[in-house]
């Protein structure tokens, strides 16, 4: 049975964290296979233990300075065959994860997948074309590929996920990119 690890960063999620955890918890009840929700925290926010208990999430305390180092700590604690890094986008990202989970159980024709959330407006569209990914985008990576390429670069912050994707492509991993 497929075990999925959903990994969130408290600092990146910010004020959206309670809503995002509730949405993931509801969606995870319908996912095929088993799952675990993990939240990595370097903020020391006293409200997080109660929030994670309410949403059946494992809280991981770390002192990582960058997003890459914090997510590496979370992956080291996780047990999943598939690593999910949900973006801070709308409900469509959670529905996409549900669809990917059902397809992953049948056959694995991919090593990584990205759901890009389109930006609104001309300037944002132009900026979107310049940048490969954003914090709104959702990433799905097979654990064996994550470990094969050495995980996230611990020195990188917002560039950690796009850089990981670039290394996956350079190593000829099968990567699919969808648009919401």
Protein backbone atom coordinates (compact mmCIF):
# COMPACT_ATOMS: atom_id res chain seq x y z
CA UNK A 1 0.00 0.00 0.00
CA UNK A 2 1.23 3.48 -0.89
CA UNK A 3 2.16 5.72 2.04
CA UNK A 4 2.08 9.44 1.27
CA UNK A 5 3.84 12.05 3.38
CA UNK A 6 2.34 15.54 3.17
CA UNK A 7 4.97 18.04 4.31
CA UNK A 8 4.20 21.64 5.25
CA UNK A 9 6.40 24.46 6.48
CA UNK A 10 4.87 26.66 9.20
CA UNK A 11 6.94 29.72 8.29
CA UNK A 12 5.95 29.59 4.62
CA UNK A 13 2.27 28.91 5.32
CA UNK A 14 1.98 31.76 7.81
CA UNK A 15 -1.56 32.86 8.57
CA UNK A 16 -3.00 30.42 6.01
CA UNK A 17 -1.80 27.42 8.02
CA UNK A 18 -5.02 26.61 9.99
CA UNK A 19 -7.18 26.77 6.87
CA UNK A 20 -4.65 24.77 4.87
CA UNK A 21 -4.37 22.03 7.52
CA UNK A 22 -8.16 21.71 7.75
CA UNK A 23 -8.45 21.42 3.97
CA UNK A 24 -5.72 18.76 3.78
CA UNK A 25 -7.19 16.79 6.68
CA UNK A 26 -10.63 16.65 5.01
CA UNK A 27 -9.19 15.66 1.65
CA UNK A 28 -6.86 13.04 3.13
CA UNK A 29 -9.82 11.03 4.41
CA UNK A 30 -10.70 10.21 0.80
CA UNK A 31 -7.17 9.43 -0.43
CA UNK A 32 -6.29 5.90 -1.49
CA UNK A 33 -3.60 4.30 0.63
CA UNK A 34 -2.39 5.68 3.91
CA UNK A 35 -0.95 9.10 4.61
CA UNK A 36 0.76 11.20 7.21
CA UNK A 37 0.59 14.97 7.65
CA UNK A 38 3.77 16.62 8.93
CA UNK A 39 4.39 20.25 9.86
CA UNK A 40 7.95 21.50 10.27
CA UNK A 41 8.29 24.55 12.52
CA UNK A 42 11.17 26.86 13.34
CA UNK A 43 8.99 29.70 14.63
CA UNK A 44 8.33 28.39 18.14
CA UNK A 45 4.70 29.53 17.93
CA UNK A 46 2.97 28.32 21.11
CA UNK A 47 -0.34 27.78 19.24
CA UNK A 48 1.04 25.11 16.89
CA UNK A 49 0.91 22.06 19.21
CA UNK A 50 -2.85 22.48 19.75
CA UNK A 51 -3.41 23.18 16.05
CA UNK A 52 -1.52 20.08 14.96
CA UNK A 53 -3.36 17.86 17.47
CA UNK A 54 -6.70 19.15 16.20
CA UNK A 55 -5.77 18.33 12.58
CA UNK A 56 -3.99 15.03 13.32
CA UNK A 57 -0.65 16.39 12.15
CA UNK A 58 2.82 15.57 13.42
CA UNK A 59 4.72 18.67 14.56
CA UNK A 60 8.46 18.66 13.89
CA UNK A 61 10.55 21.30 15.63
CA UNK A 62 13.78 22.33 13.92
CA UNK A 63 16.14 25.26 13.80
CA UNK A 64 16.76 25.35 10.06
CA UNK A 65 17.45 28.77 8.66
CA UNK A 66 16.27 28.03 5.13
CA UNK A 67 13.27 26.29 3.62
CA UNK A 68 15.55 23.66 2.09
CA UNK A 69 17.04 22.67 5.44
CA UNK A 70 13.64 22.67 7.19
CA UNK A 71 12.06 20.44 4.55
CA UNK A 72 15.06 18.08 4.64
CA UNK A 73 14.42 17.64 8.39
CA UNK A 74 10.73 16.90 7.70
CA UNK A 75 11.56 14.35 4.99
CA UNK A 76 14.05 12.62 7.32
CA UNK A 77 11.26 12.12 9.88
CA UNK A 78 8.65 11.06 7.31
CA UNK A 79 8.04 7.46 6.24
CA UNK A 80 6.18 7.98 2.96
CA UNK A 81 6.93 6.42 -0.41
CA UNK A 82 5.71 9.64 -2.00
CA UNK A 83 6.51 13.14 -0.74
CA UNK A 84 3.86 15.81 -1.21
CA UNK A 85 4.68 19.49 -0.83
CA UNK A 86 1.31 21.26 -1.16
CA UNK A 87 1.45 24.82 -2.37
CA UNK A 88 -0.46 27.61 -0.76
CA UNK A 89 -2.87 27.75 -3.66
CA UNK A 90 -6.59 27.12 -3.76
CA UNK A 91 -8.59 23.93 -3.23
CA UNK A 92 -7.65 22.80 -6.76
CA UNK A 93 -4.22 21.73 -5.49
CA UNK A 94 -5.79 19.36 -2.95
CA UNK A 95 -8.11 17.90 -5.61
CA UNK A 96 -5.08 17.43 -7.88
CA UNK A 97 -3.24 15.59 -5.09
CA UNK A 98 -6.26 13.30 -4.66
CA UNK A 99 -6.24 12.54 -8.38
CA UNK A 100 -2.48 11.88 -8.37
CA UNK A 101 -2.81 9.52 -5.41
CA UNK A 102 -5.43 7.40 -7.15
CA UNK A 103 -3.31 7.25 -10.33
CA UNK A 104 -0.15 6.41 -8.36
CA UNK A 105 -1.77 3.35 -6.85
CA UNK A 106 -2.52 1.89 -10.29
CA UNK A 107 0.81 2.42 -12.03
CA UNK A 108 3.74 4.74 -11.53
CA UNK A 109 4.53 6.38 -14.84
CA UNK A 110 6.19 9.42 -13.22
CA UNK A 111 8.87 10.27 -10.71
CA UNK A 112 7.77 13.81 -9.92
CA UNK A 113 4.81 16.03 -10.73
CA UNK A 114 4.09 19.73 -10.37
CA UNK A 115 0.77 21.55 -10.36
CA UNK A 116 1.27 25.15 -11.40
CA UNK A 117 -1.33 27.65 -10.28
CA UNK A 118 -1.81 30.32 -12.94
CA UNK A 119 -1.50 33.92 -11.88
CA UNK A 120 -4.09 36.53 -12.81
CA UNK A 121 -3.39 39.66 -14.83
CA UNK A 122 -0.90 40.48 -17.57
CA UNK A 123 1.96 41.48 -15.32
CA UNK A 124 1.54 38.41 -13.14
CA UNK A 125 1.28 36.20 -16.24
CA UNK A 126 4.54 37.67 -17.57
CA UNK A 127 6.20 37.19 -14.17
CA UNK A 128 4.87 33.60 -14.06
CA UNK A 129 6.52 32.83 -17.40
CA UNK A 130 9.84 34.15 -16.09
CA UNK A 131 9.72 32.07 -12.93
CA UNK A 132 9.46 28.31 -13.17
CA UNK A 133 7.55 27.79 -9.94
CA UNK A 134 6.12 29.71 -7.00
CA UNK A 135 4.96 29.01 -3.42
CA UNK A 136 1.48 28.44 -4.84
CA UNK A 137 2.62 25.43 -6.85
CA UNK A 138 2.25 21.90 -5.50
CA UNK A 139 5.02 19.30 -5.80
CA UNK A 140 4.82 15.51 -5.73
CA UNK A 141 8.10 13.53 -5.66
CA UNK A 142 8.86 9.83 -5.34
CA UNK A 143 10.98 9.29 -2.24
CA UNK A 144 13.56 7.15 -4.03
CA UNK A 145 14.26 10.00 -6.48
CA UNK A 146 14.39 12.54 -3.65
CA UNK A 147 17.02 10.46 -1.87
CA UNK A 148 18.88 9.66 -5.09
CA UNK A 149 19.55 13.35 -5.82
CA UNK A 150 20.38 14.21 -2.21
CA UNK A 151 17.26 16.10 -1.18
CA UNK A 152 16.95 19.87 -1.00
CA UNK A 153 19.92 22.18 -1.05
CA UNK A 154 20.00 23.30 2.62
CA UNK A 155 21.36 26.72 1.63
CA UNK A 156 18.33 27.64 -0.49
CA UNK A 157 15.15 29.23 0.77
CA UNK A 158 12.40 30.05 -1.74
CA UNK A 159 14.44 28.52 -4.57
CA UNK A 160 14.66 25.09 -2.87
CA UNK A 161 11.71 23.46 -4.69
CA UNK A 162 12.48 24.86 -8.17
CA UNK A 163 16.13 23.86 -7.81
CA UNK A 164 15.13 20.33 -6.78
CA UNK A 165 12.91 20.12 -9.85
CA UNK A 166 15.78 21.27 -12.07
CA UNK A 167 18.07 18.57 -10.64
CA UNK A 168 15.38 15.93 -11.13
CA UNK A 169 15.11 16.91 -14.79
CA UNK A 170 18.89 16.92 -15.19
CA UNK A 171 18.97 13.35 -13.85
CA UNK A 172 16.29 12.37 -16.39
CA UNK A 173 13.54 11.73 -13.86
CA UNK A 174 10.08 11.49 -15.38
CA UNK A 175 8.50 14.83 -14.46
CA UNK A 176 4.99 15.93 -15.39
CA UNK A 177 3.81 19.51 -15.12
CA UNK A 178 0.10 20.25 -14.96
CA UNK A 179 -1.73 23.56 -14.83
CA UNK A 180 -4.72 24.22 -12.61
